[in-house]
Amino acid sequence: MDLLSLIFTGIGLAMDASAVSIAKGMSLPNEKIKNYALKLGLAFGIFQGLMPLIGYLVGSTFSGYIQSVDHWVAFILLALIGLNMIKESREEKENEEVSDLSLKVILLLAIATSIDALAVGVSFAFLKVNIVLACSIIAIVTFILSFICVMVGKRLGSLFQKYAEIFGGIILMMIGAKILIEHLFL
């Protein structure tokens, strides 16, 4: 997978964390907004970077058994994740106000927003991706976007929350289609 595809994968995976960051940014107190943005960005970045590694290790264990269908596995995983992200963006969500973010809340949000990255890591094993580079890019992109999105959420309200997940889902589905096309026709 080339560098540009890895960056776009990072952007796609960061959309859940970005949407949560916008939502939390809207409800956090002004006084500590940069502190909260840093905490959320770090937690989301670390978990988004570690989950593909875990998925990669699981996928590598079984890659010998399914190497002949690896491109289909990657395509299906990315397409399902992308479709799920789009579906979730269409569902009504409760706006829960948060006046403070405890470590427990931050960790739960980080885990919840990085589950997709675990599945992407499995697909990376079949694609022989440089996992250290991929995880680093995903972590950095997620950190930057999450930090910015907390600040954006504070300023712009809920304008982009719904569209961030749709955009992320579309990116992942396009990368899945690209992988399938490359393996079938190139």
N, C-alpha and C. Protein backbone atom coordinates (compact mmCIF):
# COMPACT_ATOMS: atom_id res chain seq x y z
N MET A 1 0.86 -1.16 0.00
CA MET A 1 0.00 0.00 0.00
C MET A 1 0.91 1.23 0.00
N ASP A 2 0.64 2.16 -0.91
CA ASP A 2 1.49 3.34 -1.02
C ASP A 2 1.20 4.35 0.09
N LEU A 3 2.08 5.33 0.22
CA LEU A 3 1.99 6.32 1.30
C LEU A 3 0.69 7.10 1.25
N LEU A 4 0.27 7.51 0.07
CA LEU A 4 -0.97 8.27 -0.05
C LEU A 4 -2.17 7.45 0.41
N SER A 5 -2.20 6.17 0.05
CA SER A 5 -3.28 5.29 0.50
C SER A 5 -3.27 5.14 2.02
N LEU A 6 -2.08 5.06 2.61
CA LEU A 6 -1.98 4.98 4.07
C LEU A 6 -2.49 6.25 4.74
N ILE A 7 -2.17 7.39 4.15
CA ILE A 7 -2.65 8.66 4.71
C ILE A 7 -4.17 8.72 4.62
N PHE A 8 -4.73 8.33 3.47
CA PHE A 8 -6.18 8.34 3.33
C PHE A 8 -6.84 7.31 4.25
N THR A 9 -6.18 6.17 4.46
CA THR A 9 -6.69 5.19 5.42
C THR A 9 -6.72 5.81 6.81
N GLY A 10 -5.65 6.51 7.16
CA GLY A 10 -5.60 7.20 8.45
C GLY A 10 -6.71 8.22 8.59
N ILE A 11 -6.96 8.97 7.53
CA ILE A 11 -8.05 9.95 7.55
C ILE A 11 -9.39 9.24 7.71
N GLY A 12 -9.60 8.19 6.94
CA GLY A 12 -10.85 7.44 7.03
C GLY A 12 -11.08 6.87 8.42
N LEU A 13 -10.05 6.28 8.98
CA LEU A 13 -10.18 5.70 10.32
C LEU A 13 -10.35 6.77 11.40
N ALA A 14 -9.82 7.94 11.16
CA ALA A 14 -9.90 9.02 12.16
C ALA A 14 -11.27 9.69 12.19
N MET A 15 -12.14 9.36 11.26
CA MET A 15 -13.42 10.06 11.20
C MET A 15 -14.31 9.80 12.42
N ASP A 16 -14.32 8.58 12.92
CA ASP A 16 -15.10 8.32 14.14
C ASP A 16 -14.57 9.15 15.30
N ALA A 17 -13.26 9.12 15.47
CA ALA A 17 -12.64 9.90 16.55
C ALA A 17 -12.86 11.39 16.33
N SER A 18 -12.82 11.82 15.08
CA SER A 18 -13.05 13.24 14.77
C SER A 18 -14.49 13.64 15.09
N ALA A 19 -15.43 12.78 14.74
CA ALA A 19 -16.84 13.07 15.03
C ALA A 19 -17.06 13.17 16.54
N VAL A 20 -16.47 12.24 17.29
CA VAL A 20 -16.59 12.28 18.75
C VAL A 20 -15.89 13.53 19.28
N SER A 21 -14.76 13.88 18.71
CA SER A 21 -14.02 15.07 19.16
C SER A 21 -14.83 16.34 18.94
N ILE A 22 -15.50 16.43 17.80
CA ILE A 22 -16.38 17.58 17.55
C ILE A 22 -17.49 17.63 18.59
N ALA A 23 -18.12 16.47 18.80
CA ALA A 23 -19.23 16.42 19.76
C ALA A 23 -18.76 16.79 21.16
N LYS A 24 -17.63 16.27 21.57
CA LYS A 24 -17.12 16.58 22.90
C LYS A 24 -16.67 18.03 22.98
N GLY A 25 -16.09 18.53 21.92
CA GLY A 25 -15.67 19.93 21.89
C GLY A 25 -16.82 20.88 22.12
N MET A 26 -18.00 20.51 21.64
CA MET A 26 -19.18 21.35 21.82
C MET A 26 -19.61 21.43 23.28
N SER A 27 -19.32 20.39 24.05
CA SER A 27 -19.84 20.33 25.42
C SER A 27 -18.79 20.56 26.51
N LEU A 28 -17.55 20.74 26.12
CA LEU A 28 -16.50 20.93 27.12
C LEU A 28 -16.37 22.40 27.51
N PRO A 29 -15.93 22.64 28.74
CA PRO A 29 -15.77 24.03 29.19
C PRO A 29 -14.63 24.73 28.44
N ASN A 30 -14.80 26.02 28.21
CA ASN A 30 -13.81 26.81 27.48
C ASN A 30 -12.45 26.86 28.16
N GLU A 31 -12.46 26.88 29.48
CA GLU A 31 -11.22 27.11 30.23
C GLU A 31 -10.13 26.09 29.91
N LYS A 32 -10.50 24.85 29.74
CA LYS A 32 -9.50 23.78 29.57
C LYS A 32 -9.60 23.12 28.20
N ILE A 33 -10.10 23.81 27.21
CA ILE A 33 -10.38 23.17 25.92
C ILE A 33 -9.09 22.63 25.27
N LYS A 34 -7.98 23.35 25.34
CA LYS A 34 -6.74 22.85 24.74
C LYS A 34 -6.22 21.61 25.47
N ASN A 35 -6.39 21.60 26.78
CA ASN A 35 -6.00 20.44 27.59
C ASN A 35 -6.83 19.22 27.19
N TYR A 36 -8.15 19.42 27.07
CA TYR A 36 -9.03 18.33 26.65
C TYR A 36 -8.70 17.88 25.23
N ALA A 37 -8.42 18.83 24.35
CA ALA A 37 -8.09 18.48 22.96
C ALA A 37 -6.82 17.63 22.92
N LEU A 38 -5.84 17.98 23.74
CA LEU A 38 -4.60 17.21 23.80
C LEU A 38 -4.85 15.80 24.34
N LYS A 39 -5.63 15.70 25.42
CA LYS A 39 -5.93 14.39 26.01
C LYS A 39 -6.68 13.49 25.03
N LEU A 40 -7.73 14.04 24.41
CA LEU A 40 -8.50 13.23 23.45
C LEU A 40 -7.65 12.87 22.25
N GLY A 41 -6.89 13.83 21.72
CA GLY A 41 -6.04 13.56 20.56
C GLY A 41 -5.03 12.46 20.83
N LEU A 42 -4.37 12.53 21.99
CA LEU A 42 -3.39 11.50 22.34
C LEU A 42 -4.05 10.13 22.52
N ALA A 43 -5.14 10.09 23.26
CA ALA A 43 -5.81 8.80 23.49
C ALA A 43 -6.31 8.20 22.18
N PHE A 44 -6.98 9.01 21.36
CA PHE A 44 -7.49 8.50 20.09
C PHE A 44 -6.34 8.08 19.18
N GLY A 45 -5.29 8.89 19.11
CA GLY A 45 -4.15 8.56 18.26
C GLY A 45 -3.46 7.28 18.68
N ILE A 46 -3.24 7.11 19.98
CA ILE A 46 -2.58 5.90 20.48
C ILE A 46 -3.41 4.66 20.18
N PHE A 47 -4.70 4.72 20.48
CA PHE A 47 -5.54 3.54 20.24
C PHE A 47 -5.71 3.26 18.75
N GLN A 48 -5.87 4.31 17.94
CA GLN A 48 -5.99 4.10 16.49
C GLN A 48 -4.70 3.53 15.92
N GLY A 49 -3.57 3.85 16.53
CA GLY A 49 -2.29 3.31 16.07
C GLY A 49 -2.03 1.89 16.54
N LEU A 50 -2.52 1.54 17.73
CA LEU A 50 -2.29 0.19 18.27
C LEU A 50 -3.25 -0.86 17.71
N MET A 51 -4.47 -0.48 17.47
CA MET A 51 -5.47 -1.46 17.01
C MET A 51 -5.11 -2.11 15.68
N PRO A 52 -4.61 -1.36 14.69
CA PRO A 52 -4.21 -2.04 13.45
C PRO A 52 -3.07 -3.03 13.68
N LEU A 53 -2.18 -2.72 14.62
CA LEU A 53 -1.09 -3.65 14.94
C LEU A 53 -1.65 -4.96 15.49
N ILE A 54 -2.60 -4.86 16.39
CA ILE A 54 -3.23 -6.07 16.95
C ILE A 54 -3.93 -6.85 15.84
N GLY A 55 -4.69 -6.15 15.00
CA GLY A 55 -5.36 -6.81 13.88
C GLY A 55 -4.37 -7.44 12.91
N TYR A 56 -3.27 -6.75 12.66
CA TYR A 56 -2.23 -7.25 11.78
C TYR A 56 -1.64 -8.55 12.31
N LEU A 57 -1.36 -8.59 13.60
CA LEU A 57 -0.79 -9.79 14.21
C LEU A 57 -1.76 -10.97 14.11
N VAL A 58 -3.04 -10.71 14.34
CA VAL A 58 -4.05 -11.76 14.20
C VAL A 58 -4.14 -12.21 12.74
N GLY A 59 -4.19 -11.24 11.83
CA GLY A 59 -4.28 -11.56 10.41
C GLY A 59 -3.06 -12.30 9.90
N SER A 60 -1.88 -11.93 10.37
CA SER A 60 -0.64 -12.59 9.95
C SER A 60 -0.62 -14.06 10.35
N THR A 61 -1.21 -14.35 11.49
CA THR A 61 -1.26 -15.73 11.98
C THR A 61 -2.03 -16.63 11.02
N PHE A 62 -3.05 -16.07 10.40
CA PHE A 62 -3.91 -16.88 9.53
C PHE A 62 -3.72 -16.60 8.05
N SER A 63 -2.75 -15.75 7.68
CA SER A 63 -2.62 -15.34 6.28
C SER A 63 -2.27 -16.50 5.35
N GLY A 64 -1.52 -17.48 5.81
CA GLY A 64 -1.16 -18.61 4.96
C GLY A 64 -2.36 -19.42 4.51
N TYR A 65 -3.41 -19.40 5.29
CA TYR A 65 -4.60 -20.18 4.97
C TYR A 65 -5.51 -19.49 3.95
N ILE A 66 -5.43 -18.18 3.89
CA ILE A 66 -6.39 -17.49 3.03
C ILE A 66 -5.72 -16.52 2.05
N GLN A 67 -4.46 -16.78 1.72
CA GLN A 67 -3.72 -15.87 0.85
C GLN A 67 -4.36 -15.74 -0.53
N SER A 68 -5.00 -16.78 -1.01
CA SER A 68 -5.60 -16.72 -2.35
C SER A 68 -6.84 -15.83 -2.40
N VAL A 69 -7.39 -15.50 -1.26
CA VAL A 69 -8.58 -14.63 -1.24
C VAL A 69 -8.33 -13.35 -0.44
N ASP A 70 -7.06 -13.04 -0.21
CA ASP A 70 -6.73 -11.90 0.64
C ASP A 70 -7.32 -10.58 0.16
N HIS A 71 -7.30 -10.35 -1.16
CA HIS A 71 -7.83 -9.10 -1.68
C HIS A 71 -9.34 -9.00 -1.45
N TRP A 72 -10.02 -10.13 -1.51
CA TRP A 72 -11.46 -10.14 -1.23
C TRP A 72 -11.72 -9.85 0.25
N VAL A 73 -10.89 -10.43 1.12
CA VAL A 73 -11.04 -10.19 2.56
C VAL A 73 -10.84 -8.70 2.86
N ALA A 74 -9.78 -8.12 2.30
CA ALA A 74 -9.50 -6.69 2.52
C ALA A 74 -10.65 -5.84 1.99
N PHE A 75 -11.11 -6.15 0.77
CA PHE A 75 -12.21 -5.39 0.18
C PHE A 75 -13.47 -5.49 1.03
N ILE A 76 -13.83 -6.71 1.41
CA ILE A 76 -15.06 -6.91 2.20
C ILE A 76 -14.97 -6.22 3.55
N LEU A 77 -13.83 -6.37 4.24
CA LEU A 77 -13.68 -5.71 5.54
C LEU A 77 -13.80 -4.19 5.42
N LEU A 78 -13.07 -3.62 4.46
CA LEU A 78 -13.11 -2.16 4.31
C LEU A 78 -14.48 -1.68 3.85
N ALA A 79 -15.11 -2.43 2.94
CA ALA A 79 -16.45 -2.05 2.49
C ALA A 79 -17.47 -2.12 3.62
N LEU A 80 -17.41 -3.19 4.41
CA LEU A 80 -18.35 -3.32 5.54
C LEU A 80 -18.13 -2.23 6.58
N ILE A 81 -16.87 -1.95 6.88
CA ILE A 81 -16.57 -0.88 7.84
C ILE A 81 -17.08 0.45 7.30
N GLY A 82 -16.80 0.72 6.04
CA GLY A 82 -17.26 1.96 5.42
C GLY A 82 -18.77 2.08 5.41
N LEU A 83 -19.45 1.01 5.02
CA LEU A 83 -20.92 1.02 5.02
C LEU A 83 -21.47 1.21 6.43
N ASN A 84 -20.85 0.56 7.40
CA ASN A 84 -21.30 0.71 8.79
C ASN A 84 -21.13 2.15 9.27
N MET A 85 -20.01 2.78 8.89
CA MET A 85 -19.80 4.17 9.28
C MET A 85 -20.87 5.07 8.67
N ILE A 86 -21.21 4.84 7.40
CA ILE A 86 -22.24 5.64 6.75
C ILE A 86 -23.59 5.38 7.41
N LYS A 87 -23.90 4.11 7.70
CA LYS A 87 -25.16 3.76 8.36
C LYS A 87 -25.26 4.45 9.72
N GLU A 88 -24.17 4.39 10.50
CA GLU A 88 -24.18 5.01 11.82
C GLU A 88 -24.36 6.52 11.73
N SER A 89 -23.86 7.13 10.67
CA SER A 89 -24.00 8.57 10.54
C SER A 89 -25.45 8.97 10.26
N ARG A 90 -26.22 8.04 9.74
CA ARG A 90 -27.63 8.31 9.41
C ARG A 90 -28.56 8.08 10.60
N GLU A 91 -28.07 7.40 11.63
CA GLU A 91 -28.89 7.12 12.80
C GLU A 91 -28.90 8.33 13.73
N GLU A 92 -30.03 8.53 14.39
CA GLU A 92 -30.10 9.61 15.37
C GLU A 92 -29.33 9.20 16.60
N LYS A 93 -28.52 10.11 17.08
CA LYS A 93 -27.73 9.84 18.27
C LYS A 93 -28.12 10.82 19.35
N GLU A 94 -28.08 10.34 20.57
CA GLU A 94 -28.36 11.22 21.69
C GLU A 94 -27.17 12.14 21.89
N ASN A 95 -27.45 13.41 22.09
CA ASN A 95 -26.38 14.36 22.41
C ASN A 95 -26.19 14.37 23.90
N GLU A 96 -25.14 13.73 24.35
CA GLU A 96 -24.89 13.70 25.78
C GLU A 96 -23.91 14.81 26.12
N GLU A 97 -24.25 15.57 27.10
CA GLU A 97 -23.38 16.66 27.51
C GLU A 97 -22.34 16.13 28.47
N VAL A 98 -21.14 16.58 28.28
CA VAL A 98 -20.05 16.17 29.15
C VAL A 98 -19.41 17.44 29.71
N SER A 99 -19.41 17.56 31.00
CA SER A 99 -18.78 18.73 31.60
C SER A 99 -17.34 18.43 31.95
N ASP A 100 -16.98 17.18 32.02
CA ASP A 100 -15.62 16.80 32.35
C ASP A 100 -15.32 15.47 31.66
N LEU A 101 -14.07 15.24 31.37
CA LEU A 101 -13.67 13.98 30.75
C LEU A 101 -12.72 13.26 31.70
N SER A 102 -13.21 12.21 32.32
CA SER A 102 -12.35 11.41 33.20
C SER A 102 -11.50 10.48 32.34
N LEU A 103 -10.47 9.92 32.93
CA LEU A 103 -9.62 8.96 32.23
C LEU A 103 -10.44 7.78 31.73
N LYS A 104 -11.38 7.32 32.55
CA LYS A 104 -12.23 6.20 32.16
C LYS A 104 -13.05 6.53 30.91
N VAL A 105 -13.64 7.71 30.87
CA VAL A 105 -14.44 8.13 29.71
C VAL A 105 -13.55 8.24 28.48
N ILE A 106 -12.39 8.84 28.63
CA ILE A 106 -11.47 9.00 27.50
C ILE A 106 -11.06 7.64 26.95
N LEU A 107 -10.71 6.70 27.82
CA LEU A 107 -10.30 5.36 27.37
C LEU A 107 -11.44 4.62 26.68
N LEU A 108 -12.64 4.72 27.23
CA LEU A 108 -13.80 4.07 26.59
C LEU A 108 -14.07 4.67 25.21
N LEU A 109 -13.98 5.98 25.10
CA LEU A 109 -14.16 6.61 23.79
C LEU A 109 -13.07 6.19 22.82
N ALA A 110 -11.83 6.11 23.30
CA ALA A 110 -10.71 5.71 22.44
C ALA A 110 -10.88 4.28 21.93
N ILE A 111 -11.31 3.39 22.80
CA ILE A 111 -11.54 2.00 22.38
C ILE A 111 -12.69 1.94 21.39
N ALA A 112 -13.79 2.59 21.73
CA ALA A 112 -14.98 2.54 20.87
C ALA A 112 -14.70 3.09 19.48
N THR A 113 -13.90 4.14 19.39
CA THR A 113 -13.64 4.74 18.08
C THR A 113 -12.53 4.04 17.31
N SER A 114 -11.86 3.07 17.91
CA SER A 114 -10.75 2.41 17.22
C SER A 114 -11.04 0.96 16.83
N ILE A 115 -12.25 0.49 17.05
CA ILE A 115 -12.59 -0.89 16.67
C ILE A 115 -12.42 -1.10 15.17
N ASP A 116 -12.82 -0.11 14.37
CA ASP A 116 -12.66 -0.23 12.92
C ASP A 116 -11.19 -0.43 12.54
N ALA A 117 -10.30 0.21 13.27
CA ALA A 117 -8.87 0.10 12.98
C ALA A 117 -8.36 -1.32 13.21
N LEU A 118 -8.96 -2.04 14.13
CA LEU A 118 -8.60 -3.44 14.38
C LEU A 118 -8.87 -4.27 13.13
N ALA A 119 -10.04 -4.10 12.55
CA ALA A 119 -10.40 -4.84 11.34
C ALA A 119 -9.51 -4.44 10.16
N VAL A 120 -9.19 -3.16 10.07
CA VAL A 120 -8.30 -2.71 9.00
C VAL A 120 -6.92 -3.35 9.17
N GLY A 121 -6.47 -3.51 10.40
CA GLY A 121 -5.19 -4.17 10.66
C GLY A 121 -5.16 -5.60 10.16
N VAL A 122 -6.28 -6.30 10.29
CA VAL A 122 -6.38 -7.66 9.75
C VAL A 122 -6.16 -7.62 8.24
N SER A 123 -6.81 -6.67 7.57
CA SER A 123 -6.64 -6.58 6.12
C SER A 123 -5.20 -6.19 5.75
N PHE A 124 -4.53 -5.41 6.58
CA PHE A 124 -3.13 -5.05 6.32
C PHE A 124 -2.24 -6.29 6.27
N ALA A 125 -2.53 -7.29 7.07
CA ALA A 125 -1.71 -8.50 7.09
C ALA A 125 -1.74 -9.20 5.74
N PHE A 126 -2.87 -9.14 5.07
CA PHE A 126 -3.00 -9.80 3.77
C PHE A 126 -2.34 -8.98 2.66
N LEU A 127 -2.17 -7.70 2.91
CA LEU A 127 -1.62 -6.81 1.89
C LEU A 127 -0.12 -6.60 2.05
N LYS A 128 0.46 -7.21 3.07
CA LYS A 128 1.90 -7.07 3.34
C LYS A 128 2.29 -5.60 3.49
N VAL A 129 1.51 -4.87 4.25
CA VAL A 129 1.75 -3.46 4.52
C VAL A 129 2.88 -3.32 5.54
N ASN A 130 3.68 -2.28 5.41
CA ASN A 130 4.67 -1.94 6.44
C ASN A 130 3.87 -1.47 7.65
N ILE A 131 3.68 -2.35 8.62
CA ILE A 131 2.75 -2.10 9.72
C ILE A 131 3.23 -0.98 10.63
N VAL A 132 4.52 -0.84 10.82
CA VAL A 132 5.04 0.24 11.67
C VAL A 132 4.72 1.60 11.04
N LEU A 133 4.98 1.71 9.75
CA LEU A 133 4.67 2.95 9.04
C LEU A 133 3.16 3.22 9.06
N ALA A 134 2.38 2.18 8.76
CA ALA A 134 0.92 2.34 8.72
C ALA A 134 0.38 2.78 10.08
N CYS A 135 0.79 2.11 11.14
CA CYS A 135 0.30 2.45 12.48
C CYS A 135 0.74 3.85 12.89
N SER A 136 1.96 4.22 12.52
CA SER A 136 2.45 5.56 12.84
C SER A 136 1.64 6.64 12.13
N ILE A 137 1.39 6.43 10.85
CA ILE A 137 0.61 7.40 10.08
C ILE A 137 -0.80 7.50 10.63
N ILE A 138 -1.43 6.37 10.90
CA ILE A 138 -2.79 6.37 11.43
C ILE A 138 -2.83 7.09 12.78
N ALA A 139 -1.86 6.83 13.64
CA ALA A 139 -1.83 7.47 14.96
C ALA A 139 -1.64 8.98 14.84
N ILE A 140 -0.71 9.40 14.00
CA ILE A 140 -0.43 10.84 13.84
C ILE A 140 -1.62 11.56 13.22
N VAL A 141 -2.18 10.99 12.16
CA VAL A 141 -3.35 11.60 11.51
C VAL A 141 -4.51 11.71 12.49
N THR A 142 -4.75 10.65 13.25
CA THR A 142 -5.85 10.66 14.22
C THR A 142 -5.62 11.70 15.31
N PHE A 143 -4.39 11.78 15.82
CA PHE A 143 -4.08 12.78 16.84
C PHE A 143 -4.36 14.19 16.31
N ILE A 144 -3.82 14.50 15.15
CA ILE A 144 -3.97 15.85 14.59
C ILE A 144 -5.44 16.17 14.35
N LEU A 145 -6.16 15.26 13.69
CA LEU A 145 -7.57 15.52 13.39
C LEU A 145 -8.41 15.62 14.66
N SER A 146 -8.15 14.76 15.63
CA SER A 146 -8.93 14.80 16.88
C SER A 146 -8.69 16.10 17.63
N PHE A 147 -7.43 16.51 17.71
CA PHE A 147 -7.11 17.77 18.39
C PHE A 147 -7.83 18.93 17.72
N ILE A 148 -7.69 19.00 16.41
CA ILE A 148 -8.33 20.09 15.65
C ILE A 148 -9.85 20.03 15.81
N CYS A 149 -10.41 18.83 15.76
CA CYS A 149 -11.87 18.69 15.81
C CYS A 149 -12.46 19.07 17.16
N VAL A 150 -11.73 18.88 18.23
CA VAL A 150 -12.21 19.37 19.53
C VAL A 150 -12.35 20.89 19.45
N MET A 151 -11.35 21.53 18.88
CA MET A 151 -11.37 22.99 18.75
C MET A 151 -12.47 23.44 17.79
N VAL A 152 -12.62 22.72 16.68
CA VAL A 152 -13.67 23.03 15.71
C VAL A 152 -15.04 22.85 16.36
N GLY A 153 -15.20 21.77 17.10
CA GLY A 153 -16.47 21.52 17.79
C GLY A 153 -16.84 22.65 18.71
N LYS A 154 -15.86 23.20 19.36
CA LYS A 154 -16.12 24.32 20.27
C LYS A 154 -16.62 25.52 19.48
N ARG A 155 -16.10 25.72 18.29
CA ARG A 155 -16.42 26.90 17.48
C ARG A 155 -17.65 26.73 16.58
N LEU A 156 -17.78 25.61 15.96
CA LEU A 156 -18.78 25.48 14.89
C LEU A 156 -20.01 24.65 15.24
N GLY A 157 -20.04 24.08 16.42
CA GLY A 157 -21.21 23.30 16.79
C GLY A 157 -21.29 21.99 16.05
N SER A 158 -22.47 21.57 15.74
CA SER A 158 -22.69 20.22 15.21
C SER A 158 -22.76 20.15 13.69
N LEU A 159 -22.28 21.15 12.97
CA LEU A 159 -22.40 21.17 11.51
C LEU A 159 -21.76 19.97 10.81
N PHE A 160 -20.60 19.54 11.29
CA PHE A 160 -19.84 18.53 10.54
C PHE A 160 -19.90 17.12 11.11
N GLN A 161 -20.47 16.95 12.27
CA GLN A 161 -20.42 15.65 12.94
C GLN A 161 -20.97 14.53 12.05
N LYS A 162 -22.14 14.72 11.49
CA LYS A 162 -22.77 13.69 10.67
C LYS A 162 -21.96 13.43 9.40
N TYR A 163 -21.45 14.46 8.77
CA TYR A 163 -20.76 14.32 7.51
C TYR A 163 -19.37 13.71 7.66
N ALA A 164 -18.76 13.86 8.82
CA ALA A 164 -17.43 13.28 9.04
C ALA A 164 -17.48 11.77 8.92
N GLU A 165 -18.48 11.13 9.49
CA GLU A 165 -18.59 9.67 9.41
C GLU A 165 -18.90 9.21 7.99
N ILE A 166 -19.74 9.94 7.28
CA ILE A 166 -20.04 9.59 5.89
C ILE A 166 -18.76 9.66 5.05
N PHE A 167 -18.02 10.74 5.19
CA PHE A 167 -16.77 10.93 4.46
C PHE A 167 -15.78 9.81 4.78
N GLY A 168 -15.64 9.48 6.06
CA GLY A 168 -14.74 8.39 6.47
C GLY A 168 -15.15 7.06 5.87
N GLY A 169 -16.45 6.77 5.87
CA GLY A 169 -16.96 5.53 5.30
C GLY A 169 -16.69 5.44 3.81
N ILE A 170 -16.91 6.54 3.11
CA ILE A 170 -16.67 6.57 1.66
C ILE A 170 -15.19 6.35 1.36
N ILE A 171 -14.31 6.98 2.12
CA ILE A 171 -12.87 6.80 1.91
C ILE A 171 -12.48 5.34 2.09
N LEU A 172 -12.94 4.69 3.15
CA LEU A 172 -12.59 3.29 3.38
C LEU A 172 -13.12 2.39 2.27
N MET A 173 -14.35 2.64 1.81
CA MET A 173 -14.91 1.83 0.72
C MET A 173 -14.12 2.04 -0.57
N MET A 174 -13.69 3.26 -0.84
CA MET A 174 -12.90 3.53 -2.04
C MET A 174 -11.54 2.83 -1.98
N ILE A 175 -10.92 2.82 -0.82
CA ILE A 175 -9.64 2.12 -0.67
C ILE A 175 -9.84 0.62 -0.85
N GLY A 176 -10.93 0.08 -0.30
CA GLY A 176 -11.26 -1.34 -0.50
C GLY A 176 -11.44 -1.67 -1.97
N ALA A 177 -12.16 -0.81 -2.69
CA ALA A 177 -12.38 -1.03 -4.12
C ALA A 177 -11.05 -0.95 -4.89
N LYS A 178 -10.19 -0.01 -4.51
CA LYS A 178 -8.88 0.13 -5.15
C LYS A 178 -8.05 -1.15 -4.96
N ILE A 179 -8.07 -1.69 -3.76
CA ILE A 179 -7.33 -2.92 -3.47
C ILE A 179 -7.85 -4.06 -4.34
N LEU A 180 -9.16 -4.20 -4.41
CA LEU A 180 -9.77 -5.27 -5.20
C LEU A 180 -9.42 -5.12 -6.68
N ILE A 181 -9.54 -3.92 -7.21
CA ILE A 181 -9.24 -3.67 -8.62
C ILE A 181 -7.77 -3.96 -8.91
N GLU A 182 -6.87 -3.53 -8.03
CA GLU A 182 -5.44 -3.80 -8.23
C GLU A 182 -5.15 -5.29 -8.29
N HIS A 183 -5.78 -6.08 -7.43
CA HIS A 183 -5.51 -7.52 -7.40
C HIS A 183 -6.19 -8.27 -8.53
N LEU A 184 -7.31 -7.78 -9.00
CA LEU A 184 -8.03 -8.48 -10.06
C LEU A 184 -7.53 -8.11 -11.45
N PHE A 185 -7.11 -6.86 -11.64
CA PHE A 185 -6.83 -6.38 -12.99
C PHE A 185 -5.39 -5.93 -13.24
N LEU A 186 -4.60 -5.79 -12.20
CA LEU A 186 -3.23 -5.29 -12.43
C LEU A 186 -2.19 -6.34 -12.13
